[in-house]
């Protein structure tokens, strides 16, 4: 499994504001900052999701965060849109992946495709 993941962003402060709001429903918060060049988010103690200053890739990175339930996916999507993200797939079932795949997609300020997904049946 992965230890951590990093995305290159064109403006660390702008992306930090976006991800603070978008990832709050998933329990993520800033846990480390390095002179405006890097910022690390975690849902526990050690940062596992990093943003670093640079030229974002042109290929369209996709990052998916696990959500504990479908309501959290809905809250992620609403928070990300309110933070300035662009809708890239409203919350809903994606049966082409599997019967219980419930996800939502947004594009961050640099065009990275960010998703929250729940793999559990509706309760």
PDB file of N, CA and C in Angstrom:
ATOM      1  N   UNK A   1       0.821  -1.182   0.000  1.00  0.00           N
ATOM      2  CA  UNK A   1       0.000   0.000   0.000  1.00  0.00           C
ATOM      3  C   UNK A   1       0.868   1.250   0.000  1.00  0.00           C
ATOM      4  N   UNK A   2       0.275   2.351  -0.314  1.00  0.00           N
ATOM      5  CA  UNK A   2       0.996   3.610  -0.363  1.00  0.00           C
ATOM      6  C   UNK A   2       1.289   4.131   1.039  1.00  0.00           C
ATOM      7  N   UNK A   3       2.416   4.805   1.174  1.00  0.00           N
ATOM      8  CA  UNK A   3       2.751   5.494   2.414  1.00  0.00           C
ATOM      9  C   UNK A   3       2.221   6.919   2.377  1.00  0.00           C
ATOM     10  N   UNK A   4       2.385   7.584   1.234  1.00  0.00           N
ATOM     11  CA  UNK A   4       1.861   8.935   1.059  1.00  0.00           C
ATOM     12  C   UNK A   4       1.782   9.238  -0.436  1.00  0.00           C
ATOM     13  N   UNK A   5       1.086  10.329  -0.749  1.00  0.00           N
ATOM     14  CA  UNK A   5       0.869  10.744  -2.132  1.00  0.00           C
ATOM     15  C   UNK A   5       1.051  12.244  -2.208  1.00  0.00           C
ATOM     16  N   UNK A   6       1.650  12.718  -3.288  1.00  0.00           N
ATOM     17  CA  UNK A   6       1.830  14.153  -3.470  1.00  0.00           C
ATOM     18  C   UNK A   6       1.331  14.618  -4.817  1.00  0.00           C
ATOM     19  N   UNK A   7       0.731  15.809  -4.830  1.00  0.00           N
ATOM     20  CA  UNK A   7       0.319  16.461  -6.067  1.00  0.00           C
ATOM     21  C   UNK A   7       1.108  17.748  -6.235  1.00  0.00           C
ATOM     22  N   UNK A   8       1.471  18.049  -7.452  1.00  0.00           N
ATOM     23  CA  UNK A   8       2.093  19.325  -7.771  1.00  0.00           C
ATOM     24  C   UNK A   8       0.990  20.325  -8.081  1.00  0.00           C
ATOM     25  N   UNK A   9       1.091  21.504  -7.465  1.00  0.00           N
ATOM     26  CA  UNK A   9       0.075  22.548  -7.653  1.00  0.00           C
ATOM     27  C   UNK A   9       0.762  23.864  -7.998  1.00  0.00           C
ATOM     28  N   UNK A  10       0.028  24.740  -8.673  1.00  0.00           N
ATOM     29  CA  UNK A  10       0.610  26.013  -9.113  1.00  0.00           C
ATOM     30  C   UNK A  10       0.594  27.080  -8.025  1.00  0.00           C
ATOM     31  N   UNK A  11      -0.263  26.926  -7.019  1.00  0.00           N
ATOM     32  CA  UNK A  11      -0.383  27.906  -5.940  1.00  0.00           C
ATOM     33  C   UNK A  11      -0.725  27.139  -4.662  1.00  0.00           C
ATOM     34  N   UNK A  12       0.270  26.952  -3.793  1.00  0.00           N
ATOM     35  CA  UNK A  12       0.088  26.136  -2.596  1.00  0.00           C
ATOM     36  C   UNK A  12      -0.990  26.721  -1.684  1.00  0.00           C
ATOM     37  N   UNK A  13      -0.979  28.031  -1.469  1.00  0.00           N
ATOM     38  CA  UNK A  13      -1.960  28.648  -0.570  1.00  0.00           C
ATOM     39  C   UNK A  13      -3.382  28.455  -1.093  1.00  0.00           C
ATOM     40  N   UNK A  14      -3.596  28.664  -2.378  1.00  0.00           N
ATOM     41  CA  UNK A  14      -4.928  28.485  -2.974  1.00  0.00           C
ATOM     42  C   UNK A  14      -5.379  27.032  -2.848  1.00  0.00           C
ATOM     43  N   UNK A  15      -4.487  26.104  -3.166  1.00  0.00           N
ATOM     44  CA  UNK A  15      -4.831  24.684  -3.085  1.00  0.00           C
ATOM     45  C   UNK A  15      -5.037  24.253  -1.638  1.00  0.00           C
ATOM     46  N   UNK A  16      -4.264  24.815  -0.734  1.00  0.00           N
ATOM     47  CA  UNK A  16      -4.440  24.487   0.679  1.00  0.00           C
ATOM     48  C   UNK A  16      -5.845  24.884   1.139  1.00  0.00           C
ATOM     49  N   UNK A  17      -6.277  26.079   0.774  1.00  0.00           N
ATOM     50  CA  UNK A  17      -7.627  26.529   1.136  1.00  0.00           C
ATOM     51  C   UNK A  17      -8.688  25.590   0.551  1.00  0.00           C
ATOM     52  N   UNK A  18      -8.508  25.207  -0.729  1.00  0.00           N
ATOM     53  CA  UNK A  18      -9.458  24.302  -1.372  1.00  0.00           C
ATOM     54  C   UNK A  18      -9.523  22.970  -0.634  1.00  0.00           C
ATOM     55  N   UNK A  19      -8.363  22.347  -0.417  1.00  0.00           N
ATOM     56  CA  UNK A  19      -8.351  21.016   0.198  1.00  0.00           C
ATOM     57  C   UNK A  19      -8.758  21.043   1.667  1.00  0.00           C
ATOM     58  N   UNK A  20      -8.468  22.113   2.382  1.00  0.00           N
ATOM     59  CA  UNK A  20      -8.947  22.214   3.762  1.00  0.00           C
ATOM     60  C   UNK A  20     -10.463  22.078   3.811  1.00  0.00           C
ATOM     61  N   UNK A  21     -11.143  22.775   2.936  1.00  0.00           N
ATOM     62  CA  UNK A  21     -12.602  22.739   2.909  1.00  0.00           C
ATOM     63  C   UNK A  21     -13.115  21.439   2.303  1.00  0.00           C
ATOM     64  N   UNK A  22     -12.536  21.021   1.196  1.00  0.00           N
ATOM     65  CA  UNK A  22     -13.034  19.834   0.496  1.00  0.00           C
ATOM     66  C   UNK A  22     -12.833  18.551   1.300  1.00  0.00           C
ATOM     67  N   UNK A  23     -11.715  18.449   2.002  1.00  0.00           N
ATOM     68  CA  UNK A  23     -11.411  17.210   2.725  1.00  0.00           C
ATOM     69  C   UNK A  23     -11.896  17.206   4.170  1.00  0.00           C
ATOM     70  N   UNK A  24     -12.417  18.324   4.649  1.00  0.00           N
ATOM     71  CA  UNK A  24     -12.913  18.378   6.038  1.00  0.00           C
ATOM     72  C   UNK A  24     -13.966  17.305   6.318  1.00  0.00           C
ATOM     73  N   UNK A  25     -14.934  17.052   5.418  1.00  0.00           N
ATOM     74  CA  UNK A  25     -15.910  15.995   5.711  1.00  0.00           C
ATOM     75  C   UNK A  25     -15.275  14.609   5.858  1.00  0.00           C
ATOM     76  N   UNK A  26     -14.094  14.418   5.307  1.00  0.00           N
ATOM     77  CA  UNK A  26     -13.404  13.137   5.399  1.00  0.00           C
ATOM     78  C   UNK A  26     -12.455  13.074   6.601  1.00  0.00           C
ATOM     79  N   UNK A  27     -12.399  14.163   7.368  1.00  0.00           N
ATOM     80  CA  UNK A  27     -11.574  14.180   8.571  1.00  0.00           C
ATOM     81  C   UNK A  27     -10.133  14.599   8.360  1.00  0.00           C
ATOM     82  N   UNK A  28      -9.804  15.144   7.198  1.00  0.00           N
ATOM     83  CA  UNK A  28      -8.430  15.567   6.919  1.00  0.00           C
ATOM     84  C   UNK A  28      -8.198  17.000   7.388  1.00  0.00           C
ATOM     85  N   UNK A  29      -7.005  17.256   7.881  1.00  0.00           N
ATOM     86  CA  UNK A  29      -6.587  18.592   8.303  1.00  0.00           C
ATOM     87  C   UNK A  29      -5.103  18.746   7.986  1.00  0.00           C
ATOM     88  N   UNK A  30      -4.631  19.988   7.967  1.00  0.00           N
ATOM     89  CA  UNK A  30      -3.206  20.241   7.736  1.00  0.00           C
ATOM     90  C   UNK A  30      -2.431  19.774   8.968  1.00  0.00           C
ATOM     91  N   UNK A  31      -1.393  18.985   8.734  1.00  0.00           N
ATOM     92  CA  UNK A  31      -0.550  18.478   9.818  1.00  0.00           C
ATOM     93  C   UNK A  31       0.900  18.913   9.674  1.00  0.00           C
ATOM     94  N   UNK A  32       1.264  19.464   8.494  1.00  0.00           N
ATOM     95  CA  UNK A  32       2.642  19.917   8.276  1.00  0.00           C
ATOM     96  C   UNK A  32       2.665  20.977   7.196  1.00  0.00           C
ATOM     97  N   UNK A  33       3.523  21.985   7.379  1.00  0.00           N
ATOM     98  CA  UNK A  33       3.718  23.027   6.370  1.00  0.00           C
ATOM     99  C   UNK A  33       5.199  23.347   6.293  1.00  0.00           C
ATOM    100  N   UNK A  34       5.675  23.631   5.101  1.00  0.00           N
ATOM    101  CA  UNK A  34       7.081  23.946   4.880  1.00  0.00           C
ATOM    102  C   UNK A  34       7.215  25.202   4.024  1.00  0.00           C
ATOM    103  N   UNK A  35       7.271  26.347   4.668  1.00  0.00           N
ATOM    104  CA  UNK A  35       7.592  27.633   4.035  1.00  0.00           C
ATOM    105  C   UNK A  35       6.816  27.916   2.749  1.00  0.00           C
ATOM    106  N   UNK A  36       5.540  27.565   2.702  1.00  0.00           N
ATOM    107  CA  UNK A  36       4.726  27.858   1.530  1.00  0.00           C
ATOM    108  C   UNK A  36       5.057  27.043   0.304  1.00  0.00           C
ATOM    109  N   UNK A  37       5.937  26.060   0.458  1.00  0.00           N
ATOM    110  CA  UNK A  37       6.314  25.226  -0.689  1.00  0.00           C
ATOM    111  C   UNK A  37       5.655  23.853  -0.638  1.00  0.00           C
ATOM    112  N   UNK A  38       5.364  23.366   0.554  1.00  0.00           N
ATOM    113  CA  UNK A  38       4.716  22.068   0.728  1.00  0.00           C
ATOM    114  C   UNK A  38       3.713  22.168   1.865  1.00  0.00           C
ATOM    115  N   UNK A  39       2.648  21.401   1.769  1.00  0.00           N
ATOM    116  CA  UNK A  39       1.691  21.286   2.864  1.00  0.00           C
ATOM    117  C   UNK A  39       1.214  19.834   2.902  1.00  0.00           C
ATOM    118  N   UNK A  40       1.141  19.279   4.118  1.00  0.00           N
ATOM    119  CA  UNK A  40       0.740  17.889   4.289  1.00  0.00           C
ATOM    120  C   UNK A  40      -0.564  17.761   5.057  1.00  0.00           C
ATOM    121  N   UNK A  41      -1.474  16.955   4.533  1.00  0.00           N
ATOM    122  CA  UNK A  41      -2.773  16.703   5.156  1.00  0.00           C
ATOM    123  C   UNK A  41      -2.813  15.282   5.701  1.00  0.00           C
ATOM    124  N   UNK A  42      -3.574  15.101   6.764  1.00  0.00           N
ATOM    125  CA  UNK A  42      -3.748  13.767   7.329  1.00  0.00           C
ATOM    126  C   UNK A  42      -5.120  13.648   7.960  1.00  0.00           C
ATOM    127  N   UNK A  43      -5.631  12.436   7.985  1.00  0.00           N
ATOM    128  CA  UNK A  43      -6.863  12.168   8.728  1.00  0.00           C
ATOM    129  C   UNK A  43      -6.519  11.601  10.098  1.00  0.00           C
ATOM    130  N   UNK A  44      -5.250  11.413  10.338  1.00  0.00           N
ATOM    131  CA  UNK A  44      -4.759  11.001  11.647  1.00  0.00           C
ATOM    132  C   UNK A  44      -3.592  11.913  11.985  1.00  0.00           C
ATOM    133  N   UNK A  45      -2.465  11.364  12.405  1.00  0.00           N
ATOM    134  CA  UNK A  45      -1.344  12.199  12.830  1.00  0.00           C
ATOM    135  C   UNK A  45      -0.326  12.488  11.728  1.00  0.00           C
ATOM    136  N   UNK A  46       0.049  11.475  10.969  1.00  0.00           N
ATOM    137  CA  UNK A  46       1.116  11.619   9.983  1.00  0.00           C
ATOM    138  C   UNK A  46       0.536  11.984   8.616  1.00  0.00           C
ATOM    139  N   UNK A  47       1.057  13.055   8.004  1.00  0.00           N
ATOM    140  CA  UNK A  47       0.541  13.444   6.682  1.00  0.00           C
ATOM    141  C   UNK A  47       0.715  12.328   5.648  1.00  0.00           C
ATOM    142  N   UNK A  48      -0.359  12.087   4.920  1.00  0.00           N
ATOM    143  CA  UNK A  48      -0.334  11.088   3.858  1.00  0.00           C
ATOM    144  C   UNK A  48      -0.672  11.688   2.499  1.00  0.00           C
ATOM    145  N   UNK A  49      -1.146  12.929   2.500  1.00  0.00           N
ATOM    146  CA  UNK A  49      -1.507  13.621   1.266  1.00  0.00           C
ATOM    147  C   UNK A  49      -0.798  14.963   1.264  1.00  0.00           C
ATOM    148  N   UNK A  50       0.066  15.173   0.267  1.00  0.00           N
ATOM    149  CA  UNK A  50       0.916  16.366   0.206  1.00  0.00           C
ATOM    150  C   UNK A  50       0.623  17.176  -1.050  1.00  0.00           C
ATOM    151  N   UNK A  51       0.773  18.497  -0.921  1.00  0.00           N
ATOM    152  CA  UNK A  51       0.739  19.417  -2.053  1.00  0.00           C
ATOM    153  C   UNK A  51       2.091  20.097  -2.118  1.00  0.00           C
ATOM    154  N   UNK A  52       2.656  20.179  -3.314  1.00  0.00           N
ATOM    155  CA  UNK A  52       3.947  20.837  -3.490  1.00  0.00           C
ATOM    156  C   UNK A  52       3.908  21.814  -4.646  1.00  0.00           C
ATOM    157  N   UNK A  53       4.624  22.911  -4.497  1.00  0.00           N
ATOM    158  CA  UNK A  53       4.654  23.963  -5.505  1.00  0.00           C
ATOM    159  C   UNK A  53       5.405  23.506  -6.747  1.00  0.00           C
ATOM    160  N   UNK A  54       4.834  23.785  -7.907  1.00  0.00           N
ATOM    161  CA  UNK A  54       5.478  23.452  -9.175  1.00  0.00           C
ATOM    162  C   UNK A  54       4.473  23.569 -10.302  1.00  0.00           C
ATOM    163  N   UNK A  55       4.867  23.140 -11.458  1.00  0.00           N
ATOM    164  CA  UNK A  55       3.974  23.138 -12.617  1.00  0.00           C
ATOM    165  C   UNK A  55       3.190  21.833 -12.614  1.00  0.00           C
ATOM    166  N   UNK A  56       1.858  21.905 -12.453  1.00  0.00           N
ATOM    167  CA  UNK A  56       1.056  20.685 -12.437  1.00  0.00           C
ATOM    168  C   UNK A  56       1.191  19.925 -13.751  1.00  0.00           C
ATOM    169  N   UNK A  57       1.142  18.599 -13.696  1.00  0.00           N
ATOM    170  CA  UNK A  57       1.218  17.815 -14.930  1.00  0.00           C
ATOM    171  C   UNK A  57       0.011  18.087 -15.813  1.00  0.00           C
ATOM    172  N   UNK A  58       0.166  17.930 -17.070  1.00  0.00           N
ATOM    173  CA  UNK A  58      -0.908  18.178 -18.030  1.00  0.00           C
ATOM    174  C   UNK A  58      -1.773  16.937 -18.267  1.00  0.00           C
ATOM    175  N   UNK A  59      -1.426  15.829 -17.636  1.00  0.00           N
ATOM    176  CA  UNK A  59      -2.104  14.567 -17.916  1.00  0.00           C
ATOM    177  C   UNK A  59      -3.369  14.337 -17.116  1.00  0.00           C
ATOM    178  N   UNK A  60      -3.643  15.114 -16.079  1.00  0.00           N
ATOM    179  CA  UNK A  60      -4.865  14.929 -15.310  1.00  0.00           C
ATOM    180  C   UNK A  60      -4.752  13.832 -14.269  1.00  0.00           C
ATOM    181  N   UNK A  61      -4.214  14.166 -13.141  1.00  0.00           N
ATOM    182  CA  UNK A  61      -4.063  13.221 -12.043  1.00  0.00           C
ATOM    183  C   UNK A  61      -5.425  12.940 -11.412  1.00  0.00           C
ATOM    184  N   UNK A  62      -5.626  11.705 -10.980  1.00  0.00           N
ATOM    185  CA  UNK A  62      -6.857  11.302 -10.289  1.00  0.00           C
ATOM    186  C   UNK A  62      -6.473  10.759  -8.919  1.00  0.00           C
ATOM    187  N   UNK A  63      -7.100  11.317  -7.875  1.00  0.00           N
ATOM    188  CA  UNK A  63      -6.881  10.880  -6.503  1.00  0.00           C
ATOM    189  C   UNK A  63      -8.232  10.573  -5.886  1.00  0.00           C
ATOM    190  N   UNK A  64      -8.365   9.406  -5.249  1.00  0.00           N
ATOM    191  CA  UNK A  64      -9.624   9.027  -4.605  1.00  0.00           C
ATOM    192  C   UNK A  64      -9.398   8.823  -3.112  1.00  0.00           C
ATOM    193  N   UNK A  65     -10.287   9.412  -2.306  1.00  0.00           N
ATOM    194  CA  UNK A  65     -10.245   9.285  -0.856  1.00  0.00           C
ATOM    195  C   UNK A  65     -11.404   8.399  -0.407  1.00  0.00           C
ATOM    196  N   UNK A  66     -11.142   7.504   0.517  1.00  0.00           N
ATOM    197  CA  UNK A  66     -12.173   6.621   1.052  1.00  0.00           C
ATOM    198  C   UNK A  66     -13.091   7.383   1.988  1.00  0.00           C
ATOM    199  N   UNK A  67     -14.372   7.198   1.813  1.00  0.00           N
ATOM    200  CA  UNK A  67     -15.383   7.779   2.706  1.00  0.00           C
ATOM    201  C   UNK A  67     -16.069   6.634   3.452  1.00  0.00           C
ATOM    202  N   UNK A  68     -16.418   6.849   4.710  1.00  0.00           N
ATOM    203  CA  UNK A  68     -17.028   5.768   5.486  1.00  0.00           C
ATOM    204  C   UNK A  68     -18.474   5.451   5.100  1.00  0.00           C
ATOM    205  N   UNK A  69     -19.149   6.420   4.451  1.00  0.00           N
ATOM    206  CA  UNK A  69     -20.544   6.202   4.075  1.00  0.00           C
ATOM    207  C   UNK A  69     -20.908   7.156   2.934  1.00  0.00           C
ATOM    208  N   UNK A  70     -22.063   6.950   2.366  1.00  0.00           N
ATOM    209  CA  UNK A  70     -22.498   7.747   1.217  1.00  0.00           C
ATOM    210  C   UNK A  70     -22.776   9.198   1.591  1.00  0.00           C
ATOM    211  N   UNK A  71     -23.254   9.434   2.786  1.00  0.00           N
ATOM    212  CA  UNK A  71     -23.514  10.811   3.217  1.00  0.00           C
ATOM    213  C   UNK A  71     -22.222  11.626   3.253  1.00  0.00           C
ATOM    214  N   UNK A  72     -21.128  10.993   3.613  1.00  0.00           N
ATOM    215  CA  UNK A  72     -19.837  11.684   3.635  1.00  0.00           C
ATOM    216  C   UNK A  72     -19.389  12.023   2.215  1.00  0.00           C
ATOM    217  N   UNK A  73     -19.656  11.136   1.269  1.00  0.00           N
ATOM    218  CA  UNK A  73     -19.360  11.433  -0.143  1.00  0.00           C
ATOM    219  C   UNK A  73     -20.148  12.671  -0.570  1.00  0.00           C
ATOM    220  N   UNK A  74     -21.411  12.716  -0.204  1.00  0.00           N
ATOM    221  CA  UNK A  74     -22.250  13.876  -0.546  1.00  0.00           C
ATOM    222  C   UNK A  74     -21.682  15.159   0.071  1.00  0.00           C
ATOM    223  N   UNK A  75     -21.265  15.095   1.346  1.00  0.00           N
ATOM    224  CA  UNK A  75     -20.712  16.273   2.023  1.00  0.00           C
ATOM    225  C   UNK A  75     -19.388  16.700   1.391  1.00  0.00           C
ATOM    226  N   UNK A  76     -18.548  15.737   1.015  1.00  0.00           N
ATOM    227  CA  UNK A  76     -17.300  16.056   0.318  1.00  0.00           C
ATOM    228  C   UNK A  76     -17.597  16.843  -0.958  1.00  0.00           C
ATOM    229  N   UNK A  77     -18.511  16.350  -1.768  1.00  0.00           N
ATOM    230  CA  UNK A  77     -18.824  16.986  -3.042  1.00  0.00           C
ATOM    231  C   UNK A  77     -19.321  18.409  -2.821  1.00  0.00           C
ATOM    232  N   UNK A  78     -20.238  18.593  -1.885  1.00  0.00           N
ATOM    233  CA  UNK A  78     -20.777  19.927  -1.598  1.00  0.00           C
ATOM    234  C   UNK A  78     -19.674  20.860  -1.096  1.00  0.00           C
ATOM    235  N   UNK A  79     -18.821  20.371  -0.215  1.00  0.00           N
ATOM    236  CA  UNK A  79     -17.728  21.196   0.328  1.00  0.00           C
ATOM    237  C   UNK A  79     -16.731  21.563  -0.758  1.00  0.00           C
ATOM    238  N   UNK A  80     -16.404  20.613  -1.623  1.00  0.00           N
ATOM    239  CA  UNK A  80     -15.439  20.874  -2.691  1.00  0.00           C
ATOM    240  C   UNK A  80     -15.976  21.891  -3.694  1.00  0.00           C
ATOM    241  N   UNK A  81     -17.247  21.802  -4.020  1.00  0.00           N
ATOM    242  CA  UNK A  81     -17.863  22.776  -4.930  1.00  0.00           C
ATOM    243  C   UNK A  81     -17.879  24.152  -4.261  1.00  0.00           C
ATOM    244  N   UNK A  82     -18.252  24.199  -2.984  1.00  0.00           N
ATOM    245  CA  UNK A  82     -18.282  25.476  -2.253  1.00  0.00           C
ATOM    246  C   UNK A  82     -16.884  26.086  -2.154  1.00  0.00           C
ATOM    247  N   UNK A  83     -15.853  25.239  -2.167  1.00  0.00           N
ATOM    248  CA  UNK A  83     -14.468  25.714  -2.082  1.00  0.00           C
ATOM    249  C   UNK A  83     -13.928  26.172  -3.431  1.00  0.00           C
ATOM    250  N   UNK A  84     -14.720  26.067  -4.482  1.00  0.00           N
ATOM    251  CA  UNK A  84     -14.290  26.520  -5.801  1.00  0.00           C
ATOM    252  C   UNK A  84     -13.966  25.402  -6.766  1.00  0.00           C
ATOM    253  N   UNK A  85     -14.181  24.156  -6.360  1.00  0.00           N
ATOM    254  CA  UNK A  85     -13.961  23.037  -7.275  1.00  0.00           C
ATOM    255  C   UNK A  85     -15.020  23.002  -8.357  1.00  0.00           C
ATOM    256  N   UNK A  86     -14.695  22.341  -9.448  1.00  0.00           N
ATOM    257  CA  UNK A  86     -15.641  22.194 -10.560  1.00  0.00           C
ATOM    258  C   UNK A  86     -16.178  20.766 -10.572  1.00  0.00           C
ATOM    259  N   UNK A  87     -17.479  20.646 -10.680  1.00  0.00           N
ATOM    260  CA  UNK A  87     -18.107  19.327 -10.692  1.00  0.00           C
ATOM    261  C   UNK A  87     -17.541  18.488 -11.837  1.00  0.00           C
ATOM    262  N   UNK A  88     -17.200  17.245 -11.509  1.00  0.00           N
ATOM    263  CA  UNK A  88     -16.713  16.316 -12.526  1.00  0.00           C
ATOM    264  C   UNK A  88     -17.433  14.976 -12.393  1.00  0.00           C
ATOM    265  N   UNK A  89     -18.560  14.983 -11.708  1.00  0.00           N
ATOM    266  CA  UNK A  89     -19.362  13.783 -11.496  1.00  0.00           C
ATOM    267  C   UNK A  89     -20.071  13.862 -10.164  1.00  0.00           C
ATOM    268  N   UNK A  90     -21.362  14.149 -10.199  1.00  0.00           N
ATOM    269  CA  UNK A  90     -22.149  14.304  -8.972  1.00  0.00           C
ATOM    270  C   UNK A  90     -22.171  13.001  -8.177  1.00  0.00           C
ATOM    271  N   UNK A  91     -22.446  13.089  -6.878  1.00  0.00           N
ATOM    272  CA  UNK A  91     -22.524  11.879  -6.064  1.00  0.00           C
ATOM    273  C   UNK A  91     -23.544  10.893  -6.633  1.00  0.00           C
ATOM    274  N   UNK A  92     -23.154   9.644  -6.652  1.00  0.00           N
ATOM    275  CA  UNK A  92     -24.068   8.617  -7.138  1.00  0.00           C
ATOM    276  C   UNK A  92     -23.390   7.282  -7.296  1.00  0.00           C
ATOM    277  N   UNK A  93     -24.219   6.283  -7.554  1.00  0.00           N
ATOM    278  CA  UNK A  93     -23.701   4.937  -7.789  1.00  0.00           C
ATOM    279  C   UNK A  93     -22.974   4.878  -9.126  1.00  0.00           C
ATOM    280  N   UNK A  94     -21.918   4.117  -9.163  1.00  0.00           N
ATOM    281  CA  UNK A  94     -21.167   3.853 -10.394  1.00  0.00           C
ATOM    282  C   UNK A  94     -21.127   2.325 -10.573  1.00  0.00           C
ATOM    283  N   UNK A  95     -22.250   1.719 -10.997  1.00  0.00           N
ATOM    284  CA  UNK A  95     -22.328   0.257 -11.083  1.00  0.00           C
ATOM    285  C   UNK A  95     -21.368  -0.349 -12.096  1.00  0.00           C
ATOM    286  N   UNK A  96     -20.822   0.472 -12.989  1.00  0.00           N
ATOM    287  CA  UNK A  96     -19.837  -0.047 -13.930  1.00  0.00           C
ATOM    288  C   UNK A  96     -18.554  -0.471 -13.206  1.00  0.00           C
ATOM    289  N   UNK A  97     -18.339   0.039 -11.986  1.00  0.00           N
ATOM    290  CA  UNK A  97     -17.172  -0.353 -11.185  1.00  0.00           C
ATOM    291  C   UNK A  97     -17.521  -1.539 -10.295  1.00  0.00           C
ATOM    292  N   UNK A  98     -18.589  -1.446  -9.527  1.00  0.00           N
ATOM    293  CA  UNK A  98     -19.192  -2.564  -8.802  1.00  0.00           C
ATOM    294  C   UNK A  98     -20.512  -2.086  -8.208  1.00  0.00           C
ATOM    295  N   UNK A  99     -21.326  -3.011  -7.729  1.00  0.00           N
ATOM    296  CA  UNK A  99     -22.707  -2.717  -7.330  1.00  0.00           C
ATOM    297  C   UNK A  99     -22.837  -1.643  -6.256  1.00  0.00           C
ATOM    298  N   UNK A 100     -21.864  -1.525  -5.357  1.00  0.00           N
ATOM    299  CA  UNK A 100     -21.980  -0.590  -4.239  1.00  0.00           C
ATOM    300  C   UNK A 100     -21.053   0.618  -4.351  1.00  0.00           C
ATOM    301  N   UNK A 101     -20.424   0.815  -5.503  1.00  0.00           N
ATOM    302  CA  UNK A 101     -19.484   1.924  -5.684  1.00  0.00           C
ATOM    303  C   UNK A 101     -20.256   3.227  -5.742  1.00  0.00           C
ATOM    304  N   UNK A 102     -20.098   4.052  -4.697  1.00  0.00           N
ATOM    305  CA  UNK A 102     -20.777   5.347  -4.618  1.00  0.00           C
ATOM    306  C   UNK A 102     -19.704   6.422  -4.550  1.00  0.00           C
ATOM    307  N   UNK A 103     -19.610   7.249  -5.572  1.00  0.00           N
ATOM    308  CA  UNK A 103     -18.530   8.228  -5.629  1.00  0.00           C
ATOM    309  C   UNK A 103     -19.001   9.586  -6.119  1.00  0.00           C
ATOM    310  N   UNK A 104     -18.127  10.567  -5.902  1.00  0.00           N
ATOM    311  CA  UNK A 104     -18.337  11.925  -6.394  1.00  0.00           C
ATOM    312  C   UNK A 104     -16.984  12.468  -6.819  1.00  0.00           C
ATOM    313  N   UNK A 105     -16.972  13.261  -7.876  1.00  0.00           N
ATOM    314  CA  UNK A 105     -15.739  13.754  -8.468  1.00  0.00           C
ATOM    315  C   UNK A 105     -15.777  15.272  -8.619  1.00  0.00           C
ATOM    316  N   UNK A 106     -14.654  15.924  -8.322  1.00  0.00           N
ATOM    317  CA  UNK A 106     -14.499  17.362  -8.559  1.00  0.00           C
ATOM    318  C   UNK A 106     -13.109  17.609  -9.137  1.00  0.00           C
ATOM    319  N   UNK A 107     -12.993  18.701  -9.868  1.00  0.00           N
ATOM    320  CA  UNK A 107     -11.686  19.139 -10.345  1.00  0.00           C
ATOM    321  C   UNK A 107     -11.192  20.226  -9.404  1.00  0.00           C
ATOM    322  N   UNK A 108      -9.959  20.091  -8.923  1.00  0.00           N
ATOM    323  CA  UNK A 108      -9.377  21.088  -8.022  1.00  0.00           C
ATOM    324  C   UNK A 108      -8.921  22.301  -8.823  1.00  0.00           C
ATOM    325  N   UNK A 109      -8.356  23.328  -8.185  1.00  0.00           N
ATOM    326  CA  UNK A 109      -7.958  24.542  -8.921  1.00  0.00           C
ATOM    327  C   UNK A 109      -6.963  24.309 -10.060  1.00  0.00           C
ATOM    328  N   UNK A 110      -6.194  23.207 -10.001  1.00  0.00           N
ATOM    329  CA  UNK A 110      -5.242  22.905 -11.070  1.00  0.00           C
ATOM    330  C   UNK A 110      -5.743  21.845 -12.034  1.00  0.00           C
ATOM    331  N   UNK A 111      -6.985  21.411 -11.867  1.00  0.00           N
ATOM    332  CA  UNK A 111      -7.560  20.428 -12.775  1.00  0.00           C
ATOM    333  C   UNK A 111      -7.356  18.985 -12.374  1.00  0.00           C
ATOM    334  N   UNK A 112      -6.799  18.725 -11.186  1.00  0.00           N
ATOM    335  CA  UNK A 112      -6.678  17.350 -10.705  1.00  0.00           C
ATOM    336  C   UNK A 112      -8.079  16.822 -10.404  1.00  0.00           C
ATOM    337  N   UNK A 113      -8.356  15.580 -10.774  1.00  0.00           N
ATOM    338  CA  UNK A 113      -9.634  14.943 -10.538  1.00  0.00           C
ATOM    339  C   UNK A 113      -9.611  14.309  -9.149  1.00  0.00           C
ATOM    340  N   UNK A 114     -10.406  14.862  -8.235  1.00  0.00           N
ATOM    341  CA  UNK A 114     -10.415  14.410  -6.847  1.00  0.00           C
ATOM    342  C   UNK A 114     -11.758  13.750  -6.567  1.00  0.00           C
ATOM    343  N   UNK A 115     -11.697  12.591  -5.944  1.00  0.00           N
ATOM    344  CA  UNK A 115     -12.898  11.790  -5.715  1.00  0.00           C
ATOM    345  C   UNK A 115     -12.994  11.393  -4.249  1.00  0.00           C
ATOM    346  N   UNK A 116     -14.219  11.268  -3.775  1.00  0.00           N
ATOM    347  CA  UNK A 116     -14.502  10.568  -2.522  1.00  0.00           C
ATOM    348  C   UNK A 116     -15.367   9.379  -2.904  1.00  0.00           C
ATOM    349  N   UNK A 117     -15.067   8.224  -2.316  1.00  0.00           N
ATOM    350  CA  UNK A 117     -15.779   7.002  -2.679  1.00  0.00           C
ATOM    351  C   UNK A 117     -16.084   6.172  -1.443  1.00  0.00           C
ATOM    352  N   UNK A 118     -17.280   5.587  -1.469  1.00  0.00           N
ATOM    353  CA  UNK A 118     -17.701   4.639  -0.445  1.00  0.00           C
ATOM    354  C   UNK A 118     -18.002   3.326  -1.166  1.00  0.00           C
ATOM    355  N   UNK A 119     -17.475   2.228  -0.644  1.00  0.00           N
ATOM    356  CA  UNK A 119     -17.686   0.911  -1.259  1.00  0.00           C
ATOM    357  C   UNK A 119     -18.729   0.090  -0.508  1.00  0.00           C
ATOM    358  N   UNK A 120     -19.369   0.676   0.497  1.00  0.00           N
ATOM    359  CA  UNK A 120     -20.324  -0.042   1.345  1.00  0.00           C
ATOM    360  C   UNK A 120     -21.737   0.063   0.790  1.00  0.00           C
ATOM    361  N   UNK A 121     -22.537  -0.977   1.014  1.00  0.00           N
ATOM    362  CA  UNK A 121     -23.958  -0.860   0.632  1.00  0.00           C
ATOM    363  C   UNK A 121     -24.625   0.236   1.460  1.00  0.00           C
ATOM    364  N   UNK A 122     -25.695   0.798   0.927  1.00  0.00           N
ATOM    365  CA  UNK A 122     -26.414   1.826   1.663  1.00  0.00           C
ATOM    366  C   UNK A 122     -26.979   1.215   2.930  1.00  0.00           C
ATOM    367  N   UNK A 123     -26.883   1.972   4.006  1.00  0.00           N
ATOM    368  CA  UNK A 123     -27.370   1.443   5.299  1.00  0.00           C
ATOM    369  C   UNK A 123     -28.710   2.002   5.639  1.00  0.00           C
TER     370      UNK A 123
END
